[in-house]
C-alpha atoms as a PDB file:
ATOM      1  CA  MET A   1      64.212  94.233 152.440  1.00  0.00           C
ATOM      2  CA  MET A   2      65.815  91.433 154.430  1.00  0.00           C
ATOM      3  CA  GLN A   3      65.250  89.052 151.523  1.00  0.00           C
ATOM      4  CA  VAL A   4      67.065  91.442 149.201  1.00  0.00           C
ATOM      5  CA  LEU A   5      69.962  91.745 151.632  1.00  0.00           C
ATOM      6  CA  LYS A   6      70.166  87.982 152.035  1.00  0.00           C
ATOM      7  CA  SER A   7      70.326  87.469 148.284  1.00  0.00           C
ATOM      8  CA  TRP A   8      73.011  90.137 147.803  1.00  0.00           C
ATOM      9  CA  PRO A   9      76.015  87.889 148.608  1.00  0.00           C
ATOM     10  CA  THR A  10      74.675  85.263 146.222  1.00  0.00           C
ATOM     11  CA  ARG A  11      74.343  87.793 143.408  1.00  0.00           C
ATOM     12  CA  MET A  12      77.796  89.142 144.096  1.00  0.00           C
ATOM     13  CA  GLY A  13      79.196  85.627 144.059  1.00  0.00           C
ATOM     14  CA  LEU A  14      77.556  84.838 140.737  1.00  0.00           C
ATOM     15  CA  ALA A  15      78.819  88.071 139.207  1.00  0.00           C
ATOM     16  CA  LEU A  16      82.340  87.405 140.454  1.00  0.00           C
ATOM     17  CA  ALA A  17      82.237  83.836 139.159  1.00  0.00           C
ATOM     18  CA  LEU A  18      81.066  85.040 135.746  1.00  0.00           C
ATOM     19  CA  ALA A  19      83.794  87.676 135.612  1.00  0.00           C
ATOM     20  CA  LEU A  20      86.461  85.122 136.528  1.00  0.00           C
ATOM     21  CA  THR A  21      85.133  82.725 133.912  1.00  0.00           C
ATOM     22  CA  LEU A  22      85.289  85.400 131.222  1.00  0.00           C
ATOM     23  CA  CYS A  23      88.791  86.408 132.256  1.00  0.00           C
ATOM     24  CA  ALA A  24      89.928  82.790 132.202  1.00  0.00           C
ATOM     25  CA  ALA A  25      88.413  82.314 128.759  1.00  0.00           C
ATOM     26  CA  ALA A  26      90.188  85.432 127.468  1.00  0.00           C
ATOM     27  CA  ALA A  27      93.440  84.317 129.052  1.00  0.00           C
ATOM     28  CA  THR A  28      93.248  80.916 127.358  1.00  0.00           C
ATOM     29  CA  ASP A  29      92.089  82.193 123.961  1.00  0.00           C
ATOM     30  CA  PRO A  30      94.813  80.762 121.710  1.00  0.00           C
ATOM     31  CA  ILE A  31      94.541  83.585 119.183  1.00  0.00           C
ATOM     32  CA  GLU A  32      95.172  86.171 121.891  1.00  0.00           C
ATOM     33  CA  THR A  33      97.934  83.977 123.312  1.00  0.00           C
ATOM     34  CA  VAL A  34      99.660  83.858 119.931  1.00  0.00           C
ATOM     35  CA  ARG A  35      99.270  87.593 119.418  1.00  0.00           C
ATOM     36  CA  SER A  36     100.569  88.414 122.896  1.00  0.00           C
ATOM     37  CA  SER A  37     103.508  86.022 122.663  1.00  0.00           C
ATOM     38  CA  LEU A  38     104.605  87.329 119.276  1.00  0.00           C
ATOM     39  CA  HIS A  39     104.357  90.921 120.504  1.00  0.00           C
ATOM     40  CA  THR A  40     106.593  89.940 123.414  1.00  0.00           C
ATOM     41  CA  HIS A  41     109.206  88.193 121.284  1.00  0.00           C
ATOM     42  CA  PHE A  42     108.986  90.541 118.275  1.00  0.00           C
ATOM     43  CA  PRO A  43     107.842  93.986 119.511  1.00  0.00           C
ATOM     44  CA  GLN A  44     108.248  95.584 116.075  1.00  0.00           C
ATOM     45  CA  LEU A  45     106.178  92.945 114.297  1.00  0.00           C
ATOM     46  CA  LYS A  46     102.991  94.341 112.779  1.00  0.00           C
ATOM     47  CA  ILE A  47     100.151  91.867 113.245  1.00  0.00           C
ATOM     48  CA  GLU A  48      96.986  92.565 111.273  1.00  0.00           C
ATOM     49  CA  ASP A  49      95.144  89.421 112.231  1.00  0.00           C
ATOM     50  CA  VAL A  50      95.531  85.874 113.509  1.00  0.00           C
ATOM     51  CA  ARG A  51      93.430  82.956 112.240  1.00  0.00           C
ATOM     52  CA  SER A  52      93.365  79.199 112.591  1.00  0.00           C
ATOM     53  CA  ALA A  53      95.725  77.544 110.108  1.00  0.00           C
ATOM     54  CA  PRO A  54      94.960  74.450 108.017  1.00  0.00           C
ATOM     55  CA  MET A  55      97.130  72.377 110.388  1.00  0.00           C
ATOM     56  CA  PRO A  56      95.458  71.565 113.731  1.00  0.00           C
ATOM     57  CA  GLY A  57      96.959  73.489 116.615  1.00  0.00           C
ATOM     58  CA  TRP A  58      98.658  76.096 114.416  1.00  0.00           C
ATOM     59  CA  TYR A  59      97.700  79.669 113.587  1.00  0.00           C
ATOM     60  CA  GLU A  60      98.118  81.857 110.527  1.00  0.00           C
ATOM     61  CA  VAL A  61      99.485  85.320 111.259  1.00  0.00           C
ATOM     62  CA  PHE A  62      99.192  88.092 108.648  1.00  0.00           C
ATOM     63  CA  THR A  63     101.657  90.958 108.975  1.00  0.00           C
ATOM     64  CA  GLY A  64     100.358  93.057 106.107  1.00  0.00           C
ATOM     65  CA  SER A  65     102.943  91.832 103.629  1.00  0.00           C
ATOM     66  CA  GLN A  66     103.577  88.202 104.534  1.00  0.00           C
ATOM     67  CA  LEU A  67     102.183  85.195 106.379  1.00  0.00           C
ATOM     68  CA  LEU A  68     103.841  83.318 109.174  1.00  0.00           C
ATOM     69  CA  TYR A  69     102.647  80.322 111.149  1.00  0.00           C
ATOM     70  CA  SER A  70     102.744  79.905 114.913  1.00  0.00           C
ATOM     71  CA  ASP A  71     101.934  77.123 117.325  1.00  0.00           C
ATOM     72  CA  ALA A  72      99.321  77.789 120.017  1.00  0.00           C
ATOM     73  CA  SER A  73     101.924  79.020 122.499  1.00  0.00           C
ATOM     74  CA  GLY A  74     103.479  81.558 120.143  1.00  0.00           C
ATOM     75  CA  ASP A  75     106.877  80.075 121.023  1.00  0.00           C
ATOM     76  CA  HIS A  76     107.493  78.375 117.682  1.00  0.00           C
ATOM     77  CA  VAL A  77     107.103  80.115 114.329  1.00  0.00           C
ATOM     78  CA  PHE A  78     107.909  79.303 110.741  1.00  0.00           C
ATOM     79  CA  VAL A  79     107.798  81.294 107.509  1.00  0.00           C
ATOM     80  CA  GLY A  80     107.710  79.624 104.123  1.00  0.00           C
ATOM     81  CA  LYS A  81     105.796  77.149 102.017  1.00  0.00           C
ATOM     82  CA  LEU A  82     102.903  75.121 103.407  1.00  0.00           C
ATOM     83  CA  ILE A  83     102.307  72.273 100.971  1.00  0.00           C
ATOM     84  CA  ASP A  84      99.072  70.306 100.859  1.00  0.00           C
ATOM     85  CA  THR A  85     100.358  66.841  99.997  1.00  0.00           C
ATOM     86  CA  HIS A  86      97.043  65.858  98.415  1.00  0.00           C
ATOM     87  CA  THR A  87      96.839  68.781  95.982  1.00  0.00           C
ATOM     88  CA  GLN A  88     100.552  69.676  95.862  1.00  0.00           C
ATOM     89  CA  LYS A  89      99.520  73.332  96.300  1.00  0.00           C
ATOM     90  CA  ASP A  90     101.266  75.884  98.480  1.00  0.00           C
ATOM     91  CA  LEU A  91      98.505  76.925 100.890  1.00  0.00           C
ATOM     92  CA  ALA A  92     100.592  79.780 102.265  1.00  0.00           C
ATOM     93  CA  GLU A  93     100.972  81.272  98.798  1.00  0.00           C
ATOM     94  CA  GLU A  94      97.237  80.940  98.108  1.00  0.00           C
ATOM     95  CA  GLN A  95      96.284  82.609 101.368  1.00  0.00           C
ATOM     96  CA  LEU A  96      98.791  85.422 100.928  1.00  0.00           C
ATOM     97  CA  GLU A  97      97.493  86.126  97.431  1.00  0.00           C
ATOM     98  CA  LYS A  98      93.952  86.398  98.800  1.00  0.00           C
ATOM     99  CA  ARG A  99      95.091  88.773 101.545  1.00  0.00           C
ATOM    100  CA  LEU A 100      96.979  91.024  99.134  1.00  0.00           C
ATOM    101  CA  THR A 101      94.292  91.188  96.441  1.00  0.00           C
ATOM    102  CA  ILE A 102      92.411  94.493  96.330  1.00  0.00           C
ATOM    103  CA  ASP A 103      89.168  95.821  94.857  1.00  0.00           C
ATOM    104  CA  PHE A 104      90.627  97.540  91.792  1.00  0.00           C
ATOM    105  CA  GLY A 105      87.472  99.551  91.126  1.00  0.00           C
ATOM    106  CA  LYS A 106      87.708 101.299  94.499  1.00  0.00           C
ATOM    107  CA  LEU A 107      91.070 102.922  93.790  1.00  0.00           C
ATOM    108  CA  PRO A 108      90.921 106.754  93.682  1.00  0.00           C
ATOM    109  CA  PHE A 109      91.695 107.144  89.991  1.00  0.00           C
ATOM    110  CA  ASP A 110      91.227 110.906  90.174  1.00  0.00           C
ATOM    111  CA  ARG A 111      94.490 111.001  92.144  1.00  0.00           C
ATOM    112  CA  ALA A 112      96.406 109.024  89.542  1.00  0.00           C
ATOM    113  CA  ILE A 113      98.250 110.004  86.388  1.00  0.00           C
ATOM    114  CA  LYS A 114      96.287 108.327  83.605  1.00  0.00           C
ATOM    115  CA  ILE A 115      98.219 107.152  80.545  1.00  0.00           C
ATOM    116  CA  VAL A 116      96.312 105.456  77.707  1.00  0.00           C
ATOM    117  CA  LYS A 117      98.303 103.397  75.223  1.00  0.00           C
ATOM    118  CA  GLY A 118      96.660 102.012  72.082  1.00  0.00           C
ATOM    119  CA  ASP A 119      93.053 101.043  72.752  1.00  0.00           C
ATOM    120  CA  GLY A 120      93.631 101.150  76.532  1.00  0.00           C
ATOM    121  CA  SER A 121      91.585  97.965  76.953  1.00  0.00           C
ATOM    122  CA  ARG A 122      93.711  96.522  79.759  1.00  0.00           C
ATOM    123  CA  ARG A 123      94.289  98.257  83.080  1.00  0.00           C
ATOM    124  CA  LEU A 124      97.211  98.446  85.456  1.00  0.00           C
ATOM    125  CA  ALA A 125      97.539 100.544  88.625  1.00  0.00           C
ATOM    126  CA  LEU A 126     101.090 101.331  89.732  1.00  0.00           C
ATOM    127  CA  PHE A 127     102.573 102.849  92.883  1.00  0.00           C
ATOM    128  CA  GLU A 128     105.861 104.375  91.779  1.00  0.00           C
ATOM    129  CA  ASP A 129     108.567 106.695  93.034  1.00  0.00           C
ATOM    130  CA  PRO A 130     109.900 109.101  90.379  1.00  0.00           C
ATOM    131  CA  ASP A 131     113.446 108.646  91.678  1.00  0.00           C
ATOM    132  CA  CYS A 132     113.295 104.868  92.111  1.00  0.00           C
ATOM    133  CA  PRO A 133     115.741 103.131  89.725  1.00  0.00           C
ATOM    134  CA  PHE A 134     113.618  99.988  89.668  1.00  0.00           C
ATOM    135  CA  CYS A 135     110.592 102.039  88.656  1.00  0.00           C
ATOM    136  CA  ARG A 136     112.605 103.429  85.757  1.00  0.00           C
ATOM    137  CA  GLN A 137     113.488  99.888  84.714  1.00  0.00           C
ATOM    138  CA  LEU A 138     109.829  98.889  84.874  1.00  0.00           C
ATOM    139  CA  GLU A 139     108.823 101.929  82.819  1.00  0.00           C
ATOM    140  CA  GLN A 140     111.334 100.926  80.155  1.00  0.00           C
ATOM    141  CA  GLN A 141     109.581  97.560  79.923  1.00  0.00           C
ATOM    142  CA  LEU A 142     106.108  99.131  79.965  1.00  0.00           C
ATOM    143  CA  ALA A 143     107.136 101.287  76.998  1.00  0.00           C
ATOM    144  CA  ARG A 144     107.028  98.061  74.961  1.00  0.00           C
ATOM    145  CA  VAL A 145     103.511  97.127  76.134  1.00  0.00           C
ATOM    146  CA  ASN A 146     100.537  98.440  74.139  1.00  0.00           C
ATOM    147  CA  ASN A 147      96.751  98.533  74.512  1.00  0.00           C
ATOM    148  CA  VAL A 148      96.811  99.292  78.209  1.00  0.00           C
ATOM    149  CA  THR A 149      95.654 102.090  80.497  1.00  0.00           C
ATOM    150  CA  LEU A 150      98.157 102.907  83.219  1.00  0.00           C
ATOM    151  CA  TYR A 151      97.135 104.605  86.441  1.00  0.00           C
ATOM    152  CA  VAL A 152     100.290 105.889  88.113  1.00  0.00           C
ATOM    153  CA  PHE A 153      99.952 106.738  91.792  1.00  0.00           C
ATOM    154  CA  LEU A 154     102.876 108.915  92.847  1.00  0.00           C
ATOM    155  CA  PHE A 155     104.480 107.275  95.869  1.00  0.00           C
ATOM    156  CA  PRO A 156     107.815 108.937  96.707  1.00  0.00           C
ATOM    157  CA  LEU A 157     109.982 107.127  99.249  1.00  0.00           C
ATOM    158  CA  VAL A 158     111.702 110.177 100.672  1.00  0.00           C
ATOM    159  CA  GLU A 159     113.704 108.180 103.195  1.00  0.00           C
ATOM    160  CA  LEU A 160     115.498 106.627 100.221  1.00  0.00           C
ATOM    161  CA  HIS A 161     115.217 109.439  97.673  1.00  0.00           C
ATOM    162  CA  PRO A 162     115.118 112.856  99.383  1.00  0.00           C
ATOM    163  CA  GLN A 163     114.150 114.746  96.210  1.00  0.00           C
ATOM    164  CA  ALA A 164     111.452 112.320  95.130  1.00  0.00           C
ATOM    165  CA  ARG A 165     108.607 114.343  96.572  1.00  0.00           C
ATOM    166  CA  VAL A 166     109.821 117.502  94.841  1.00  0.00           C
ATOM    167  CA  HIS A 167     109.907 115.664  91.521  1.00  0.00           C
ATOM    168  CA  ALA A 168     106.518 114.046  92.145  1.00  0.00           C
ATOM    169  CA  HIS A 169     104.971 117.444  92.871  1.00  0.00           C
ATOM    170  CA  ALA A 170     106.472 118.947  89.711  1.00  0.00           C
ATOM    171  CA  ILE A 171     105.143 116.076  87.585  1.00  0.00           C
ATOM    172  CA  TRP A 172     101.679 116.396  89.109  1.00  0.00           C
ATOM    173  CA  CYS A 173     101.644 120.134  88.423  1.00  0.00           C
ATOM    174  CA  ALA A 174     102.697 119.747  84.778  1.00  0.00           C
ATOM    175  CA  ALA A 175     100.238 120.735  82.051  1.00  0.00           C
ATOM    176  CA  ASP A 176     100.334 117.156  80.708  1.00  0.00           C
ATOM    177  CA  ARG A 177     101.050 114.834  83.604  1.00  0.00           C
ATOM    178  CA  GLY A 178     101.288 111.723  81.457  1.00  0.00           C
ATOM    179  CA  ASP A 179     103.913 113.234  79.187  1.00  0.00           C
ATOM    180  CA  ALA A 180     105.789 114.733  82.127  1.00  0.00           C
ATOM    181  CA  TRP A 181     105.906 111.336  83.862  1.00  0.00           C
ATOM    182  CA  THR A 182     107.004 109.451  80.766  1.00  0.00           C
ATOM    183  CA  HIS A 183     109.704 111.957  79.788  1.00  0.00           C
ATOM    184  CA  TRP A 184     111.070 112.060  83.333  1.00  0.00           C
ATOM    185  CA  MET A 185     111.156 108.287  83.796  1.00  0.00           C
ATOM    186  CA  LEU A 186     112.561 107.410  80.361  1.00  0.00           C
ATOM    187  CA  GLU A 187     114.669 110.443  79.488  1.00  0.00           C
ATOM    188  CA  ARG A 188     115.197 112.274  82.784  1.00  0.00           C
ATOM    189  CA  ARG A 189     113.676 115.326  81.146  1.00  0.00           C
ATOM    190  CA  GLU A 190     112.592 117.834  83.786  1.00  0.00           C
ATOM    191  CA  PRO A 191     108.880 118.740  83.890  1.00  0.00           C
ATOM    192  CA  GLY A 192     107.907 122.251  82.858  1.00  0.00           C
ATOM    193  CA  SER A 193     107.753 125.106  85.314  1.00  0.00           C
ATOM    194  CA  SER A 194     103.977 124.942  85.830  1.00  0.00           C
ATOM    195  CA  ALA A 195     103.139 125.398  89.491  1.00  0.00           C
ATOM    196  CA  CYS A 196     100.184 124.312  91.586  1.00  0.00           C
ATOM    197  CA  GLN A 197      99.445 124.549  95.265  1.00  0.00           C
ATOM    198  CA  GLN A 198      98.147 121.063  95.935  1.00  0.00           C
ATOM    199  CA  ASP A 199      98.940 117.467  95.038  1.00  0.00           C
ATOM    200  CA  PRO A 200      97.550 114.117  96.246  1.00  0.00           C
ATOM    201  CA  ILE A 201     100.832 112.789  97.611  1.00  0.00           C
ATOM    202  CA  ASP A 202      99.846 112.818 101.292  1.00  0.00           C
ATOM    203  CA  GLN A 203      96.589 111.007 100.498  1.00  0.00           C
ATOM    204  CA  LEU A 204      98.482 108.489  98.392  1.00  0.00           C
ATOM    205  CA  GLN A 205     100.906 107.809 101.223  1.00  0.00           C
ATOM    206  CA  THR A 206      97.896 106.946 103.381  1.00  0.00           C
ATOM    207  CA  LEU A 207      96.398 104.835 100.612  1.00  0.00           C
ATOM    208  CA  GLY A 208      99.680 102.987 100.172  1.00  0.00           C
ATOM    209  CA  ALA A 209      99.847 102.261 103.889  1.00  0.00           C
ATOM    210  CA  ASP A 210      96.271 100.953 103.817  1.00  0.00           C
ATOM    211  CA  LEU A 211      97.189  98.656 100.922  1.00  0.00           C
ATOM    212  CA  ASN A 212     100.453  97.587 102.600  1.00  0.00           C
ATOM    213  CA  VAL A 213     102.584  99.112  99.871  1.00  0.00           C
ATOM    214  CA  THR A 214     106.084  99.249 101.362  1.00  0.00           C
ATOM    215  CA  GLY A 215     108.227  99.419  98.243  1.00  0.00           C
ATOM    216  CA  THR A 216     108.223 100.532  94.631  1.00  0.00           C
ATOM    217  CA  PRO A 217     107.250  99.552  92.075  1.00  0.00           C
ATOM    218  CA  THR A 218     104.108  97.848  93.370  1.00  0.00           C
ATOM    219  CA  TYR A 219     101.292  97.308  90.902  1.00  0.00           C
ATOM    220  CA  PHE A 220      97.838  95.792  90.657  1.00  0.00           C
ATOM    221  CA  LEU A 221      96.058  94.091  87.796  1.00  0.00           C
ATOM    222  CA  ASP A 222      92.429  94.775  86.915  1.00  0.00           C
ATOM    223  CA  SER A 223      91.630  91.601  88.870  1.00  0.00           C
ATOM    224  CA  GLY A 224      93.159  93.140  91.999  1.00  0.00           C
ATOM    225  CA  ARG A 225      96.170  90.814  92.027  1.00  0.00           C
ATOM    226  CA  ARG A 226      99.343  92.399  93.332  1.00  0.00           C
ATOM    227  CA  TYR A 227     102.886  92.305  91.959  1.00  0.00           C
ATOM    228  CA  GLU A 228     106.139  93.922  92.995  1.00  0.00           C
ATOM    229  CA  GLY A 229     109.441  94.679  91.339  1.00  0.00           C
ATOM    230  CA  VAL A 230     110.602  94.681  87.737  1.00  0.00           C
ATOM    231  CA  LEU A 231     109.188  92.242  85.182  1.00  0.00           C
ATOM    232  CA  ALA A 232     110.136  92.029  81.527  1.00  0.00           C
ATOM    233  CA  ALA A 233     107.727  93.244  78.843  1.00  0.00           C
ATOM    234  CA  ALA A 234     106.869  89.662  77.872  1.00  0.00           C
ATOM    235  CA  GLN A 235     105.977  88.841  81.481  1.00  0.00           C
ATOM    236  CA  LEU A 236     103.860  91.976  81.732  1.00  0.00           C
ATOM    237  CA  GLU A 237     102.039  90.989  78.559  1.00  0.00           C
ATOM    238  CA  GLU A 238     101.371  87.596  80.091  1.00  0.00           C
ATOM    239  CA  LEU A 239     100.011  89.191  83.256  1.00  0.00           C
ATOM    240  CA  LEU A 240      97.695  91.420  81.270  1.00  0.00           C
ATOM    241  CA  SER A 241      96.443  88.619  79.043  1.00  0.00           C
ATOM    242  CA  PRO A 242      93.014  87.020  79.584  1.00  0.00           C
ATOM    243  CA  HIS A 243      94.826  83.860  80.723  1.00  0.00           C
ATOM    244  CA  ALA A 244      96.847  85.522  83.478  1.00  0.00           C
ATOM    245  CA  GLU A 245      96.281  82.581  85.855  1.00  0.00           C
ATOM    246  CA  ALA A 246      99.379  81.016  84.340  1.00  0.00           C
ATOM    247  CA  ALA A 247     101.382  84.183  85.003  1.00  0.00           C
ATOM    248  CA  PRO A 248     103.998  84.610  87.746  1.00  0.00           C
ATOM    249  CA  THR A 249     102.771  84.377  91.296  1.00  0.00           C
ATOM    250  CA  ALA A 250     100.990  87.367  92.826  1.00  0.00           C
ATOM    251  CA  GLY A 251     103.204  89.204  95.240  1.00  0.00           C
ATOM    252  CA  GLN A 252     106.297  87.962  93.407  1.00  0.00           C
ATOM    253  CA  SER A 253     109.110  90.382  94.000  1.00  0.00           C
ATOM    254  CA  GLY A 254     111.656  91.315  91.436  1.00  0.00           C
ATOM    255  CA  ALA A 255     114.046  94.164  92.135  1.00  0.00           C
ATOM    256  CA  ALA A 256     112.252  96.855  94.124  1.00  0.00           C
ATOM    257  CA  ALA A 257     113.010  99.785  96.378  1.00  0.00           C
ATOM    258  CA  THR A 258     111.522  99.487  99.826  1.00  0.00           C
ATOM    259  CA  GLY A 259     110.956 102.087 102.485  1.00  0.00           C
ATOM    260  CA  GLN A 260     111.511  99.462 105.172  1.00  0.00           C
ATOM    261  CA  SER A 261     114.994  98.291 104.368  1.00  0.00           C
ATOM    262  CA  GLY A 262     117.392 100.786 102.861  1.00  0.00           C
ATOM    263  CA  GLY A 263     117.817  99.037  99.549  1.00  0.00           C
ATOM    264  CA  GLY A 264     117.241 100.385  96.082  1.00  0.00           C
ATOM    265  CA  SER A 265     118.819 103.787  96.432  1.00  0.00           C
END
């Protein structure tokens, strides 16, 4: 018993030393330092993760929609291009594209309005607001694109368009959702009076948040690459072609309505 009592202070000392070591390690973890500092300076900033950047001593911070770079203290930040002088490539753009790419096959297509044009051989998934003027412009361009299957996920931005959810519900409840969507977006023809009790809009709001969809139109190619805003029919054809690597950059924003800023009313 005495031996146990004599060893007790030693054990306590070792435990305390270990705890202090772990605390010190946590306190000096540069990733946690960056995260904590940015939260202090930018409380509203959403930080999904922090990783080591290609430049020594700097860290890549992903906010869900963009990348920014911070030094180890979190006191200096920049947003923009990060050029590899050897390859002449924008590393920031490459990394952002990877972060924003999704697994197309895992989308809940049963909650989408499916529109098949021509042979439907190409696929495009779109998050759109029925009252978004930029979505209407995109639909006008899509009307000139053939041989594609469109999956329209209704994504009303009610903070910008108060009646958008009402219109989305009416379109979903229509006997022919594809026709109802097309007539509404191109001709402003009201859907029929068919009524239903449920729609997938709440689930799609959650899905959009998970995919960091903050504005409309946002759309995804079969490859999972993400685009935003209005593109011309010729650009859309280029995106949907087998050689889409030469197409505009993923995440490129044309005109779009966003629920974060107040634009696009």
